[in-house]
Amino acid sequence: MGPEASAVFLQYLIRLTPATRDQDHIPVILAADPSIPDRTAFLLGSGESPLPRLIDLAGVLERAGADLIVVPCNTAHVFWADIARAVAVPVLHIVDETIRRIEPGEPGMRVGLLATRGTIASGLYQSALDAVGYHPVLPTEDLQGEAQAIIEGVKGGGDRSGLTKRLHALIDRFVERGAERLILGCTELGLVLGPDPGLPVTDSLWALAEATVEQAGM
């Protein structure tokens, strides 16, 4: 759904696969359809539901021979259960895989969440963090506005170096509010930091790629 996030996800798969030749890599079928209705807009009460198109595309992948389906969009996972029921092959859950890859901390560890307004409103990450005994640190309205602006800047082809600086500053503000770790809960956010930013963050796009390689038995 995010064209660049989908492309970078494939790059991460290649980078994570222990291959020494072309034939060692994971066969991939990519269904990239940016026309899927905006997930956040629908969740916030405006716009068309993306679910019919998500189910259609999952069926396209299954009929094309996919043994596993992954969706490199966090907000789309609000509809994960419906997508998973619509196909006979497994569908990885980006939130579960991201939570599993947070660097362990003490019970009650405070984990900041950077994501779209739709993902925040859905409670996807909050419930998953609560389930493992971590305390979600949610954005204030101004922090959420900045996170959304950065996400939209990435999608709109904004100045990448400027967006990187803004995201670093946003992460610093979460740390000032007590976050000990942070989740990049939108696949666009990691695109301005890269997979190894040297910060206490877990990137959901990288986590999904790691999980995909594991599921492929690599």
N, C-alpha and C. Protein backbone atom coordinates (compact mmCIF):
# COMPACT_ATOMS: atom_id res chain seq x y z
N MET A 1 0.82 -1.20 0.00
CA MET A 1 0.00 0.00 0.00
C MET A 1 0.85 1.24 0.00
N GLY A 2 1.91 1.24 0.83
CA GLY A 2 2.92 2.27 0.68
C GLY A 2 3.93 1.74 -0.34
N PRO A 3 4.00 2.30 -1.55
CA PRO A 3 4.87 1.73 -2.59
C PRO A 3 6.33 1.61 -2.17
N GLU A 4 6.87 2.66 -1.53
CA GLU A 4 8.28 2.59 -1.15
C GLU A 4 8.49 1.60 -0.02
N ALA A 5 7.57 1.55 0.94
CA ALA A 5 7.70 0.59 2.03
C ALA A 5 7.68 -0.84 1.49
N SER A 6 6.85 -1.10 0.48
CA SER A 6 6.81 -2.43 -0.13
C SER A 6 8.14 -2.76 -0.80
N ALA A 7 8.71 -1.80 -1.51
CA ALA A 7 9.97 -2.02 -2.19
C ALA A 7 11.11 -2.24 -1.20
N VAL A 8 11.13 -1.44 -0.13
CA VAL A 8 12.19 -1.59 0.88
C VAL A 8 12.03 -2.90 1.64
N PHE A 9 10.79 -3.32 1.86
CA PHE A 9 10.56 -4.62 2.49
C PHE A 9 11.25 -5.72 1.69
N LEU A 10 11.14 -5.69 0.38
CA LEU A 10 11.80 -6.69 -0.45
C LEU A 10 13.33 -6.58 -0.32
N GLN A 11 13.84 -5.36 -0.24
CA GLN A 11 15.28 -5.19 -0.04
C GLN A 11 15.72 -5.80 1.30
N TYR A 12 14.91 -5.59 2.34
CA TYR A 12 15.23 -6.18 3.64
C TYR A 12 15.23 -7.70 3.57
N LEU A 13 14.26 -8.26 2.86
CA LEU A 13 14.23 -9.72 2.71
C LEU A 13 15.53 -10.23 2.09
N ILE A 14 15.96 -9.56 1.04
CA ILE A 14 17.19 -9.97 0.36
C ILE A 14 18.37 -9.84 1.31
N ARG A 15 18.42 -8.76 2.03
CA ARG A 15 19.54 -8.51 2.94
C ARG A 15 19.60 -9.53 4.08
N LEU A 16 18.43 -9.96 4.55
CA LEU A 16 18.36 -10.87 5.70
C LEU A 16 18.50 -12.34 5.32
N THR A 17 18.31 -12.66 4.06
CA THR A 17 18.37 -14.06 3.63
C THR A 17 19.82 -14.51 3.51
N PRO A 18 20.18 -15.63 4.16
CA PRO A 18 21.56 -16.13 4.09
C PRO A 18 21.81 -16.83 2.76
N ALA A 19 21.93 -16.04 1.71
CA ALA A 19 22.07 -16.59 0.36
C ALA A 19 23.47 -16.34 -0.19
N THR A 20 23.93 -17.27 -1.00
CA THR A 20 25.21 -17.10 -1.67
C THR A 20 25.05 -17.04 -3.19
N ARG A 21 23.81 -17.22 -3.67
CA ARG A 21 23.52 -17.16 -5.10
C ARG A 21 22.04 -16.81 -5.28
N ASP A 22 21.66 -16.46 -6.48
CA ASP A 22 20.28 -16.07 -6.75
C ASP A 22 19.29 -17.13 -6.28
N GLN A 23 19.63 -18.38 -6.55
CA GLN A 23 18.70 -19.48 -6.29
C GLN A 23 18.45 -19.74 -4.81
N ASP A 24 19.22 -19.12 -3.93
CA ASP A 24 19.04 -19.30 -2.49
C ASP A 24 17.99 -18.34 -1.91
N HIS A 25 17.55 -17.39 -2.68
CA HIS A 25 16.64 -16.38 -2.16
C HIS A 25 15.19 -16.87 -2.14
N ILE A 26 14.36 -16.15 -1.41
CA ILE A 26 12.95 -16.51 -1.24
C ILE A 26 12.15 -16.04 -2.45
N PRO A 27 11.41 -16.94 -3.10
CA PRO A 27 10.54 -16.50 -4.18
C PRO A 27 9.44 -15.57 -3.63
N VAL A 28 9.21 -14.46 -4.29
CA VAL A 28 8.27 -13.46 -3.81
C VAL A 28 7.27 -13.09 -4.90
N ILE A 29 6.02 -13.01 -4.53
CA ILE A 29 4.97 -12.47 -5.41
C ILE A 29 4.50 -11.17 -4.75
N LEU A 30 4.67 -10.05 -5.42
CA LEU A 30 4.29 -8.76 -4.85
C LEU A 30 3.03 -8.24 -5.52
N ALA A 31 2.03 -7.96 -4.70
CA ALA A 31 0.81 -7.31 -5.19
C ALA A 31 0.82 -5.89 -4.63
N ALA A 32 1.26 -4.94 -5.42
CA ALA A 32 1.39 -3.55 -4.98
C ALA A 32 0.25 -2.75 -5.58
N ASP A 33 -0.69 -2.32 -4.75
CA ASP A 33 -1.86 -1.59 -5.23
C ASP A 33 -2.07 -0.35 -4.38
N PRO A 34 -1.43 0.77 -4.75
CA PRO A 34 -1.57 2.00 -3.97
C PRO A 34 -2.98 2.58 -3.99
N SER A 35 -3.87 2.04 -4.83
CA SER A 35 -5.23 2.58 -4.90
C SER A 35 -6.12 2.09 -3.77
N ILE A 36 -5.63 1.18 -2.92
CA ILE A 36 -6.42 0.73 -1.78
C ILE A 36 -6.80 1.95 -0.94
N PRO A 37 -8.07 2.08 -0.56
CA PRO A 37 -8.50 3.26 0.20
C PRO A 37 -7.67 3.48 1.47
N ASP A 38 -7.53 4.74 1.84
CA ASP A 38 -6.71 5.11 2.99
C ASP A 38 -7.24 4.48 4.27
N ARG A 39 -6.37 3.72 4.93
CA ARG A 39 -6.78 2.98 6.12
C ARG A 39 -7.09 3.92 7.28
N THR A 40 -6.24 4.91 7.50
CA THR A 40 -6.45 5.83 8.61
C THR A 40 -7.72 6.65 8.42
N ALA A 41 -7.93 7.13 7.22
CA ALA A 41 -9.14 7.93 6.97
C ALA A 41 -10.39 7.13 7.31
N PHE A 42 -10.42 5.87 6.90
CA PHE A 42 -11.60 5.05 7.20
C PHE A 42 -11.76 4.85 8.70
N LEU A 43 -10.66 4.55 9.39
CA LEU A 43 -10.74 4.29 10.82
C LEU A 43 -11.15 5.52 11.61
N LEU A 44 -10.86 6.69 11.06
CA LEU A 44 -11.22 7.93 11.75
C LEU A 44 -12.59 8.46 11.31
N GLY A 45 -13.30 7.66 10.51
CA GLY A 45 -14.68 8.00 10.23
C GLY A 45 -14.98 8.62 8.89
N SER A 46 -13.98 8.65 8.00
CA SER A 46 -14.24 9.18 6.67
C SER A 46 -13.57 8.28 5.63
N GLY A 47 -14.16 8.21 4.47
CA GLY A 47 -13.55 7.42 3.41
C GLY A 47 -14.10 5.99 3.35
N GLU A 48 -13.70 5.33 2.30
CA GLU A 48 -14.17 3.99 1.97
C GLU A 48 -13.38 2.93 2.74
N SER A 49 -14.02 1.83 3.07
CA SER A 49 -13.34 0.74 3.75
C SER A 49 -12.33 0.08 2.81
N PRO A 50 -11.11 -0.16 3.29
CA PRO A 50 -10.12 -0.85 2.46
C PRO A 50 -10.29 -2.37 2.48
N LEU A 51 -11.14 -2.89 3.36
CA LEU A 51 -11.20 -4.33 3.58
C LEU A 51 -11.51 -5.13 2.31
N PRO A 52 -12.51 -4.76 1.50
CA PRO A 52 -12.76 -5.57 0.30
C PRO A 52 -11.55 -5.71 -0.60
N ARG A 53 -10.80 -4.62 -0.79
CA ARG A 53 -9.61 -4.70 -1.64
C ARG A 53 -8.50 -5.51 -0.98
N LEU A 54 -8.36 -5.40 0.32
CA LEU A 54 -7.36 -6.20 1.02
C LEU A 54 -7.65 -7.69 0.87
N ILE A 55 -8.90 -8.05 1.02
CA ILE A 55 -9.28 -9.46 0.87
C ILE A 55 -9.08 -9.91 -0.58
N ASP A 56 -9.43 -9.05 -1.54
CA ASP A 56 -9.22 -9.39 -2.95
C ASP A 56 -7.75 -9.68 -3.23
N LEU A 57 -6.88 -8.80 -2.74
CA LEU A 57 -5.45 -8.97 -3.01
C LEU A 57 -4.88 -10.20 -2.32
N ALA A 58 -5.36 -10.49 -1.13
CA ALA A 58 -4.91 -11.71 -0.46
C ALA A 58 -5.29 -12.93 -1.29
N GLY A 59 -6.50 -12.91 -1.85
CA GLY A 59 -6.92 -14.00 -2.73
C GLY A 59 -6.08 -14.10 -3.98
N VAL A 60 -5.71 -12.95 -4.55
CA VAL A 60 -4.84 -12.94 -5.73
C VAL A 60 -3.51 -13.63 -5.41
N LEU A 61 -2.93 -13.30 -4.26
CA LEU A 61 -1.66 -13.90 -3.86
C LEU A 61 -1.80 -15.40 -3.63
N GLU A 62 -2.87 -15.79 -2.96
CA GLU A 62 -3.07 -17.21 -2.70
C GLU A 62 -3.22 -17.99 -4.00
N ARG A 63 -4.02 -17.47 -4.92
CA ARG A 63 -4.22 -18.16 -6.20
C ARG A 63 -2.96 -18.19 -7.04
N ALA A 64 -2.07 -17.21 -6.82
CA ALA A 64 -0.81 -17.18 -7.55
C ALA A 64 0.22 -18.15 -6.98
N GLY A 65 -0.12 -18.78 -5.85
CA GLY A 65 0.76 -19.79 -5.30
C GLY A 65 1.48 -19.42 -4.02
N ALA A 66 1.11 -18.30 -3.39
CA ALA A 66 1.78 -17.90 -2.15
C ALA A 66 1.51 -18.91 -1.04
N ASP A 67 2.54 -19.25 -0.29
CA ASP A 67 2.41 -20.11 0.89
C ASP A 67 2.31 -19.31 2.18
N LEU A 68 2.63 -18.03 2.10
CA LEU A 68 2.61 -17.13 3.25
C LEU A 68 2.30 -15.73 2.75
N ILE A 69 1.48 -15.01 3.48
CA ILE A 69 1.14 -13.64 3.10
C ILE A 69 1.63 -12.68 4.18
N VAL A 70 2.27 -11.61 3.76
CA VAL A 70 2.69 -10.54 4.68
C VAL A 70 2.17 -9.22 4.14
N VAL A 71 1.83 -8.33 5.05
CA VAL A 71 1.26 -7.02 4.68
C VAL A 71 2.13 -5.94 5.32
N PRO A 72 3.02 -5.30 4.55
CA PRO A 72 3.90 -4.29 5.12
C PRO A 72 3.21 -2.94 5.32
N CYS A 73 2.12 -2.98 6.09
CA CYS A 73 1.39 -1.78 6.49
C CYS A 73 0.78 -2.06 7.85
N ASN A 74 1.15 -1.28 8.85
CA ASN A 74 0.65 -1.51 10.21
C ASN A 74 -0.85 -1.26 10.32
N THR A 75 -1.32 -0.14 9.77
CA THR A 75 -2.72 0.22 9.95
C THR A 75 -3.65 -0.83 9.32
N ALA A 76 -3.21 -1.46 8.25
CA ALA A 76 -4.02 -2.49 7.60
C ALA A 76 -4.26 -3.68 8.52
N HIS A 77 -3.44 -3.83 9.57
CA HIS A 77 -3.60 -4.98 10.47
C HIS A 77 -4.80 -4.84 11.40
N VAL A 78 -5.46 -3.71 11.38
CA VAL A 78 -6.77 -3.61 12.04
C VAL A 78 -7.72 -4.64 11.42
N PHE A 79 -7.49 -4.94 10.14
CA PHE A 79 -8.35 -5.86 9.39
C PHE A 79 -7.73 -7.25 9.27
N TRP A 80 -6.68 -7.51 10.05
CA TRP A 80 -5.93 -8.76 9.90
C TRP A 80 -6.81 -10.00 10.05
N ALA A 81 -7.67 -10.04 11.05
CA ALA A 81 -8.48 -11.24 11.28
C ALA A 81 -9.36 -11.55 10.08
N ASP A 82 -9.95 -10.54 9.48
CA ASP A 82 -10.80 -10.76 8.30
C ASP A 82 -9.99 -11.24 7.11
N ILE A 83 -8.80 -10.68 6.94
CA ILE A 83 -7.93 -11.12 5.84
C ILE A 83 -7.51 -12.57 6.07
N ALA A 84 -7.10 -12.88 7.29
CA ALA A 84 -6.63 -14.24 7.59
C ALA A 84 -7.74 -15.27 7.39
N ARG A 85 -8.98 -14.90 7.72
CA ARG A 85 -10.10 -15.83 7.53
C ARG A 85 -10.43 -16.06 6.06
N ALA A 86 -10.04 -15.11 5.22
CA ALA A 86 -10.43 -15.17 3.81
C ALA A 86 -9.52 -16.06 2.98
N VAL A 87 -8.38 -16.47 3.53
CA VAL A 87 -7.43 -17.30 2.79
C VAL A 87 -7.05 -18.52 3.61
N ALA A 88 -6.51 -19.52 2.94
CA ALA A 88 -6.15 -20.77 3.61
C ALA A 88 -4.67 -20.81 4.00
N VAL A 89 -3.91 -19.79 3.62
CA VAL A 89 -2.48 -19.76 3.95
C VAL A 89 -2.27 -18.80 5.12
N PRO A 90 -1.17 -18.97 5.88
CA PRO A 90 -0.93 -18.08 7.03
C PRO A 90 -0.70 -16.63 6.59
N VAL A 91 -1.13 -15.73 7.47
CA VAL A 91 -0.88 -14.30 7.28
C VAL A 91 -0.14 -13.80 8.51
N LEU A 92 1.10 -13.37 8.32
CA LEU A 92 1.88 -12.88 9.47
C LEU A 92 1.24 -11.61 10.04
N HIS A 93 1.44 -11.42 11.34
CA HIS A 93 0.88 -10.23 12.01
C HIS A 93 2.03 -9.32 12.40
N ILE A 94 2.09 -8.15 11.78
CA ILE A 94 3.23 -7.25 11.96
C ILE A 94 3.37 -6.77 13.41
N VAL A 95 2.25 -6.58 14.10
CA VAL A 95 2.32 -6.10 15.48
C VAL A 95 2.94 -7.16 16.38
N ASP A 96 2.47 -8.40 16.26
CA ASP A 96 3.03 -9.49 17.08
C ASP A 96 4.52 -9.65 16.83
N GLU A 97 4.91 -9.60 15.56
CA GLU A 97 6.32 -9.81 15.24
C GLU A 97 7.18 -8.65 15.73
N THR A 98 6.64 -7.45 15.70
CA THR A 98 7.39 -6.29 16.21
C THR A 98 7.56 -6.37 17.71
N ILE A 99 6.50 -6.70 18.43
CA ILE A 99 6.57 -6.80 19.89
C ILE A 99 7.60 -7.84 20.30
N ARG A 100 7.66 -8.96 19.57
CA ARG A 100 8.62 -10.02 19.91
C ARG A 100 10.07 -9.55 19.78
N ARG A 101 10.28 -8.51 19.00
CA ARG A 101 11.66 -8.08 18.72
C ARG A 101 12.08 -6.84 19.49
N ILE A 102 11.25 -6.39 20.40
CA ILE A 102 11.68 -5.30 21.29
C ILE A 102 12.77 -5.83 22.21
N GLU A 103 13.84 -5.08 22.35
CA GLU A 103 14.90 -5.49 23.27
C GLU A 103 14.30 -5.65 24.67
N PRO A 104 14.50 -6.81 25.29
CA PRO A 104 13.83 -7.08 26.57
C PRO A 104 14.16 -6.04 27.64
N GLY A 105 13.19 -5.79 28.48
CA GLY A 105 13.37 -4.88 29.60
C GLY A 105 12.63 -5.39 30.81
N GLU A 106 12.64 -4.61 31.86
CA GLU A 106 11.95 -4.99 33.08
C GLU A 106 10.43 -4.93 32.88
N PRO A 107 9.68 -5.72 33.66
CA PRO A 107 8.22 -5.60 33.61
C PRO A 107 7.80 -4.14 33.83
N GLY A 108 6.85 -3.70 33.06
CA GLY A 108 6.41 -2.31 33.15
C GLY A 108 7.24 -1.35 32.33
N MET A 109 8.19 -1.88 31.54
CA MET A 109 9.02 -1.01 30.71
C MET A 109 8.13 -0.10 29.85
N ARG A 110 8.52 1.14 29.73
CA ARG A 110 7.74 2.14 29.00
C ARG A 110 8.20 2.16 27.53
N VAL A 111 7.25 1.87 26.64
CA VAL A 111 7.55 1.76 25.21
C VAL A 111 6.76 2.81 24.45
N GLY A 112 7.47 3.73 23.82
CA GLY A 112 6.83 4.77 23.03
C GLY A 112 6.33 4.23 21.70
N LEU A 113 5.24 4.78 21.22
CA LEU A 113 4.63 4.31 19.99
C LEU A 113 4.50 5.45 18.99
N LEU A 114 5.17 5.30 17.86
CA LEU A 114 5.07 6.24 16.75
C LEU A 114 4.34 5.53 15.63
N ALA A 115 3.19 6.05 15.23
CA ALA A 115 2.36 5.38 14.23
C ALA A 115 1.37 6.37 13.65
N THR A 116 0.57 5.89 12.70
CA THR A 116 -0.48 6.74 12.15
C THR A 116 -1.57 6.96 13.19
N ARG A 117 -2.38 7.97 12.95
CA ARG A 117 -3.53 8.21 13.83
C ARG A 117 -4.45 6.99 13.85
N GLY A 118 -4.60 6.32 12.72
CA GLY A 118 -5.46 5.15 12.66
C GLY A 118 -4.95 4.01 13.51
N THR A 119 -3.65 3.75 13.45
CA THR A 119 -3.07 2.68 14.26
C THR A 119 -3.18 3.00 15.74
N ILE A 120 -2.91 4.24 16.11
CA ILE A 120 -3.04 4.65 17.51
C ILE A 120 -4.48 4.48 17.98
N ALA A 121 -5.42 4.97 17.17
CA ALA A 121 -6.83 4.90 17.55
C ALA A 121 -7.33 3.47 17.67
N SER A 122 -6.76 2.56 16.89
CA SER A 122 -7.22 1.17 16.89
C SER A 122 -6.84 0.42 18.17
N GLY A 123 -5.76 0.88 18.84
CA GLY A 123 -5.29 0.19 20.04
C GLY A 123 -4.51 -1.08 19.76
N LEU A 124 -4.13 -1.32 18.51
CA LEU A 124 -3.42 -2.55 18.15
C LEU A 124 -2.18 -2.76 19.00
N TYR A 125 -1.32 -1.77 19.05
CA TYR A 125 -0.07 -1.93 19.78
C TYR A 125 -0.28 -1.83 21.28
N GLN A 126 -1.21 -0.98 21.71
CA GLN A 126 -1.42 -0.83 23.14
C GLN A 126 -1.82 -2.15 23.79
N SER A 127 -2.74 -2.87 23.17
CA SER A 127 -3.18 -4.14 23.75
C SER A 127 -2.07 -5.18 23.70
N ALA A 128 -1.28 -5.18 22.63
CA ALA A 128 -0.18 -6.14 22.52
C ALA A 128 0.91 -5.85 23.55
N LEU A 129 1.19 -4.58 23.79
CA LEU A 129 2.19 -4.22 24.81
C LEU A 129 1.69 -4.57 26.20
N ASP A 130 0.43 -4.27 26.47
CA ASP A 130 -0.16 -4.62 27.76
C ASP A 130 -0.06 -6.12 28.02
N ALA A 131 -0.25 -6.91 26.96
CA ALA A 131 -0.27 -8.37 27.10
C ALA A 131 1.08 -8.93 27.53
N VAL A 132 2.18 -8.22 27.21
CA VAL A 132 3.50 -8.69 27.61
C VAL A 132 4.05 -7.92 28.81
N GLY A 133 3.22 -7.08 29.41
CA GLY A 133 3.61 -6.39 30.63
C GLY A 133 4.38 -5.10 30.43
N TYR A 134 4.32 -4.53 29.22
CA TYR A 134 4.97 -3.26 28.96
C TYR A 134 3.94 -2.13 28.95
N HIS A 135 4.40 -0.94 29.30
CA HIS A 135 3.50 0.22 29.38
C HIS A 135 3.65 1.07 28.13
N PRO A 136 2.59 1.21 27.33
CA PRO A 136 2.70 2.05 26.13
C PRO A 136 2.74 3.54 26.48
N VAL A 137 3.67 4.24 25.86
CA VAL A 137 3.75 5.70 25.98
C VAL A 137 3.18 6.27 24.69
N LEU A 138 1.99 6.83 24.78
CA LEU A 138 1.30 7.32 23.60
C LEU A 138 1.64 8.78 23.32
N PRO A 139 1.53 9.17 22.07
CA PRO A 139 1.87 10.56 21.74
C PRO A 139 0.81 11.54 22.22
N THR A 140 1.26 12.71 22.65
CA THR A 140 0.35 13.82 22.86
C THR A 140 -0.15 14.28 21.48
N GLU A 141 -1.10 15.17 21.45
CA GLU A 141 -1.65 15.60 20.16
C GLU A 141 -0.58 16.25 19.29
N ASP A 142 0.30 17.05 19.89
CA ASP A 142 1.33 17.68 19.06
C ASP A 142 2.34 16.67 18.55
N LEU A 143 2.68 15.68 19.37
CA LEU A 143 3.61 14.64 18.91
C LEU A 143 2.97 13.80 17.81
N GLN A 144 1.69 13.50 17.97
CA GLN A 144 1.00 12.73 16.93
C GLN A 144 0.92 13.50 15.62
N GLY A 145 0.68 14.80 15.74
CA GLY A 145 0.65 15.62 14.55
C GLY A 145 1.98 15.61 13.82
N GLU A 146 3.07 15.64 14.57
CA GLU A 146 4.40 15.60 13.96
C GLU A 146 4.67 14.23 13.33
N ALA A 147 4.30 13.16 14.03
CA ALA A 147 4.48 11.82 13.48
C ALA A 147 3.72 11.67 12.16
N GLN A 148 2.47 12.14 12.15
CA GLN A 148 1.66 12.04 10.94
C GLN A 148 2.26 12.87 9.81
N ALA A 149 2.79 14.03 10.15
CA ALA A 149 3.40 14.89 9.13
C ALA A 149 4.64 14.23 8.53
N ILE A 150 5.43 13.55 9.36
CA ILE A 150 6.62 12.86 8.85
C ILE A 150 6.20 11.72 7.93
N ILE A 151 5.20 10.94 8.35
CA ILE A 151 4.70 9.84 7.52
C ILE A 151 4.23 10.35 6.17
N GLU A 152 3.44 11.42 6.20
CA GLU A 152 2.93 11.98 4.95
C GLU A 152 4.06 12.58 4.12
N GLY A 153 5.09 13.10 4.79
CA GLY A 153 6.24 13.62 4.07
C GLY A 153 6.98 12.54 3.31
N VAL A 154 7.11 11.36 3.95
CA VAL A 154 7.76 10.23 3.27
C VAL A 154 6.92 9.80 2.07
N LYS A 155 5.61 9.65 2.29
CA LYS A 155 4.74 9.22 1.20
C LYS A 155 4.73 10.23 0.05
N GLY A 156 4.89 11.50 0.40
CA GLY A 156 4.83 12.54 -0.62
C GLY A 156 6.17 12.91 -1.22
N GLY A 157 7.22 12.17 -0.88
CA GLY A 157 8.53 12.44 -1.46
C GLY A 157 9.21 13.66 -0.91
N GLY A 158 8.97 13.95 0.38
CA GLY A 158 9.59 15.12 1.01
C GLY A 158 11.09 14.96 1.19
N ASP A 159 11.74 16.07 1.56
CA ASP A 159 13.19 16.08 1.77
C ASP A 159 13.57 15.04 2.83
N ARG A 160 14.30 14.03 2.43
CA ARG A 160 14.56 12.91 3.32
C ARG A 160 15.47 13.29 4.49
N SER A 161 16.47 14.10 4.23
CA SER A 161 17.37 14.48 5.33
C SER A 161 16.62 15.31 6.37
N GLY A 162 15.74 16.19 5.91
CA GLY A 162 14.95 16.99 6.83
C GLY A 162 14.00 16.13 7.64
N LEU A 163 13.39 15.14 7.00
CA LEU A 163 12.48 14.23 7.70
C LEU A 163 13.24 13.39 8.72
N THR A 164 14.46 13.01 8.40
CA THR A 164 15.27 12.23 9.34
C THR A 164 15.55 13.05 10.60
N LYS A 165 15.90 14.31 10.42
CA LYS A 165 16.16 15.19 11.57
C LYS A 165 14.90 15.34 12.42
N ARG A 166 13.77 15.50 11.76
CA ARG A 166 12.52 15.68 12.49
C ARG A 166 12.16 14.40 13.26
N LEU A 167 12.42 13.24 12.68
CA LEU A 167 12.11 11.99 13.37
C LEU A 167 13.05 11.79 14.57
N HIS A 168 14.32 12.13 14.41
CA HIS A 168 15.24 12.07 15.54
C HIS A 168 14.75 12.96 16.68
N ALA A 169 14.32 14.15 16.35
CA ALA A 169 13.83 15.08 17.37
C ALA A 169 12.56 14.54 18.02
N LEU A 170 11.71 13.89 17.23
CA LEU A 170 10.48 13.32 17.78
C LEU A 170 10.80 12.17 18.74
N ILE A 171 11.75 11.35 18.37
CA ILE A 171 12.17 10.26 19.25
C ILE A 171 12.72 10.82 20.56
N ASP A 172 13.51 11.88 20.46
CA ASP A 172 14.06 12.50 21.67
C ASP A 172 12.93 12.98 22.59
N ARG A 173 11.87 13.50 22.03
CA ARG A 173 10.76 13.99 22.85
C ARG A 173 10.04 12.83 23.55
N PHE A 174 9.95 11.70 22.90
CA PHE A 174 9.37 10.52 23.55
C PHE A 174 10.27 10.06 24.71
N VAL A 175 11.57 10.08 24.49
CA VAL A 175 12.50 9.69 25.55
C VAL A 175 12.37 10.63 26.73
N GLU A 176 12.23 11.92 26.45
CA GLU A 176 12.04 12.91 27.52
C GLU A 176 10.77 12.62 28.32
N ARG A 177 9.78 12.00 27.68
CA ARG A 177 8.53 11.66 28.36
C ARG A 177 8.60 10.30 29.06
N GLY A 178 9.79 9.68 29.05
CA GLY A 178 9.98 8.46 29.82
C GLY A 178 10.03 7.19 29.02
N ALA A 179 9.97 7.26 27.69
CA ALA A 179 10.04 6.05 26.88
C ALA A 179 11.45 5.46 26.93
N GLU A 180 11.52 4.17 27.27
CA GLU A 180 12.81 3.48 27.32
C GLU A 180 13.13 2.78 26.00
N ARG A 181 12.13 2.41 25.27
CA ARG A 181 12.24 1.86 23.93
C ARG A 181 11.15 2.52 23.09
N LEU A 182 11.29 2.44 21.77
CA LEU A 182 10.28 3.00 20.89
C LEU A 182 9.97 2.03 19.76
N ILE A 183 8.73 2.05 19.33
CA ILE A 183 8.30 1.26 18.18
C ILE A 183 8.01 2.20 17.02
N LEU A 184 8.61 1.91 15.87
CA LEU A 184 8.23 2.59 14.64
C LEU A 184 7.07 1.79 14.06
N GLY A 185 5.86 2.17 14.46
CA GLY A 185 4.67 1.41 14.13
C GLY A 185 4.01 1.84 12.84
N CYS A 186 4.78 2.43 11.96
CA CYS A 186 4.34 2.72 10.60
C CYS A 186 5.51 2.38 9.69
N THR A 187 5.27 1.66 8.62
CA THR A 187 6.39 1.18 7.80
C THR A 187 7.10 2.31 7.06
N GLU A 188 6.48 3.49 6.96
CA GLU A 188 7.17 4.62 6.34
C GLU A 188 8.23 5.22 7.26
N LEU A 189 8.04 5.13 8.56
CA LEU A 189 8.95 5.81 9.48
C LEU A 189 10.37 5.24 9.42
N GLY A 190 10.49 3.94 9.32
CA GLY A 190 11.81 3.34 9.26
C GLY A 190 12.58 3.71 8.01
N LEU A 191 11.89 4.16 6.99
CA LEU A 191 12.55 4.49 5.73
C LEU A 191 13.48 5.69 5.88
N VAL A 192 13.24 6.54 6.87
CA VAL A 192 14.11 7.70 7.03
C VAL A 192 15.21 7.46 8.06
N LEU A 193 15.20 6.29 8.70
CA LEU A 193 16.25 5.95 9.66
C LEU A 193 17.14 4.82 9.18
N GLY A 194 16.58 3.89 8.39
CA GLY A 194 17.32 2.71 8.00
C GLY A 194 17.21 1.63 9.06
N PRO A 195 17.67 0.41 8.75
CA PRO A 195 17.45 -0.72 9.66
C PRO A 195 18.33 -0.74 10.90
N ASP A 196 19.39 0.07 10.95
CA ASP A 196 20.28 0.06 12.12
C ASP A 196 20.63 1.49 12.50
N PRO A 197 19.66 2.22 13.07
CA PRO A 197 19.87 3.65 13.32
C PRO A 197 20.68 3.97 14.57
N GLY A 198 21.04 2.96 15.37
CA GLY A 198 21.78 3.23 16.60
C GLY A 198 20.93 3.90 17.65
N LEU A 199 19.63 3.67 17.61
CA LEU A 199 18.68 4.25 18.55
C LEU A 199 17.88 3.13 19.21
N PRO A 200 17.24 3.40 20.37
CA PRO A 200 16.46 2.35 21.05
C PRO A 200 15.10 2.14 20.41
N VAL A 201 15.11 1.83 19.09
CA VAL A 201 13.87 1.68 18.35
C VAL A 201 13.75 0.29 17.75
N THR A 202 12.52 -0.16 17.59
CA THR A 202 12.22 -1.38 16.85
C THR A 202 11.38 -1.00 15.66
N ASP A 203 11.89 -1.28 14.47
CA ASP A 203 11.22 -0.90 13.23
C ASP A 203 10.31 -2.05 12.79
N SER A 204 9.03 -1.76 12.65
CA SER A 204 8.07 -2.81 12.30
C SER A 204 8.34 -3.41 10.92
N LEU A 205 8.85 -2.63 9.99
CA LEU A 205 9.13 -3.15 8.65
C LEU A 205 10.27 -4.16 8.69
N TRP A 206 11.32 -3.83 9.42
CA TRP A 206 12.45 -4.76 9.58
C TRP A 206 12.00 -6.01 10.34
N ALA A 207 11.19 -5.83 11.37
CA ALA A 207 10.68 -6.97 12.14
C ALA A 207 9.88 -7.92 11.26
N LEU A 208 9.05 -7.37 10.38
CA LEU A 208 8.25 -8.21 9.49
C LEU A 208 9.14 -8.96 8.51
N ALA A 209 10.18 -8.31 8.03
CA ALA A 209 11.11 -8.98 7.12
C ALA A 209 11.84 -10.12 7.85
N GLU A 210 12.28 -9.88 9.07
CA GLU A 210 12.93 -10.94 9.84
C GLU A 210 11.99 -12.13 10.03
N ALA A 211 10.75 -11.85 10.37
CA ALA A 211 9.77 -12.92 10.59
C ALA A 211 9.51 -13.70 9.31
N THR A 212 9.48 -13.00 8.19
CA THR A 212 9.24 -13.67 6.91
C THR A 212 10.38 -14.62 6.58
N VAL A 213 11.61 -14.19 6.81
CA VAL A 213 12.77 -15.07 6.56
C VAL A 213 12.71 -16.28 7.49
N GLU A 214 12.34 -16.08 8.74
CA GLU A 214 12.22 -17.19 9.66
C GLU A 214 11.14 -18.17 9.21
N GLN A 215 9.99 -17.65 8.80
CA GLN A 215 8.90 -18.51 8.35
C GLN A 215 9.28 -19.29 7.10
N ALA A 216 10.14 -18.72 6.29
CA ALA A 216 10.59 -19.40 5.08
C ALA A 216 11.64 -20.47 5.38
N GLY A 217 12.03 -20.58 6.65
CA GLY A 217 13.00 -21.60 7.05
C GLY A 217 14.41 -21.30 6.65
N MET A 218 14.73 -20.02 6.52
CA MET A 218 16.07 -19.63 6.10
C MET A 218 17.01 -19.47 7.29
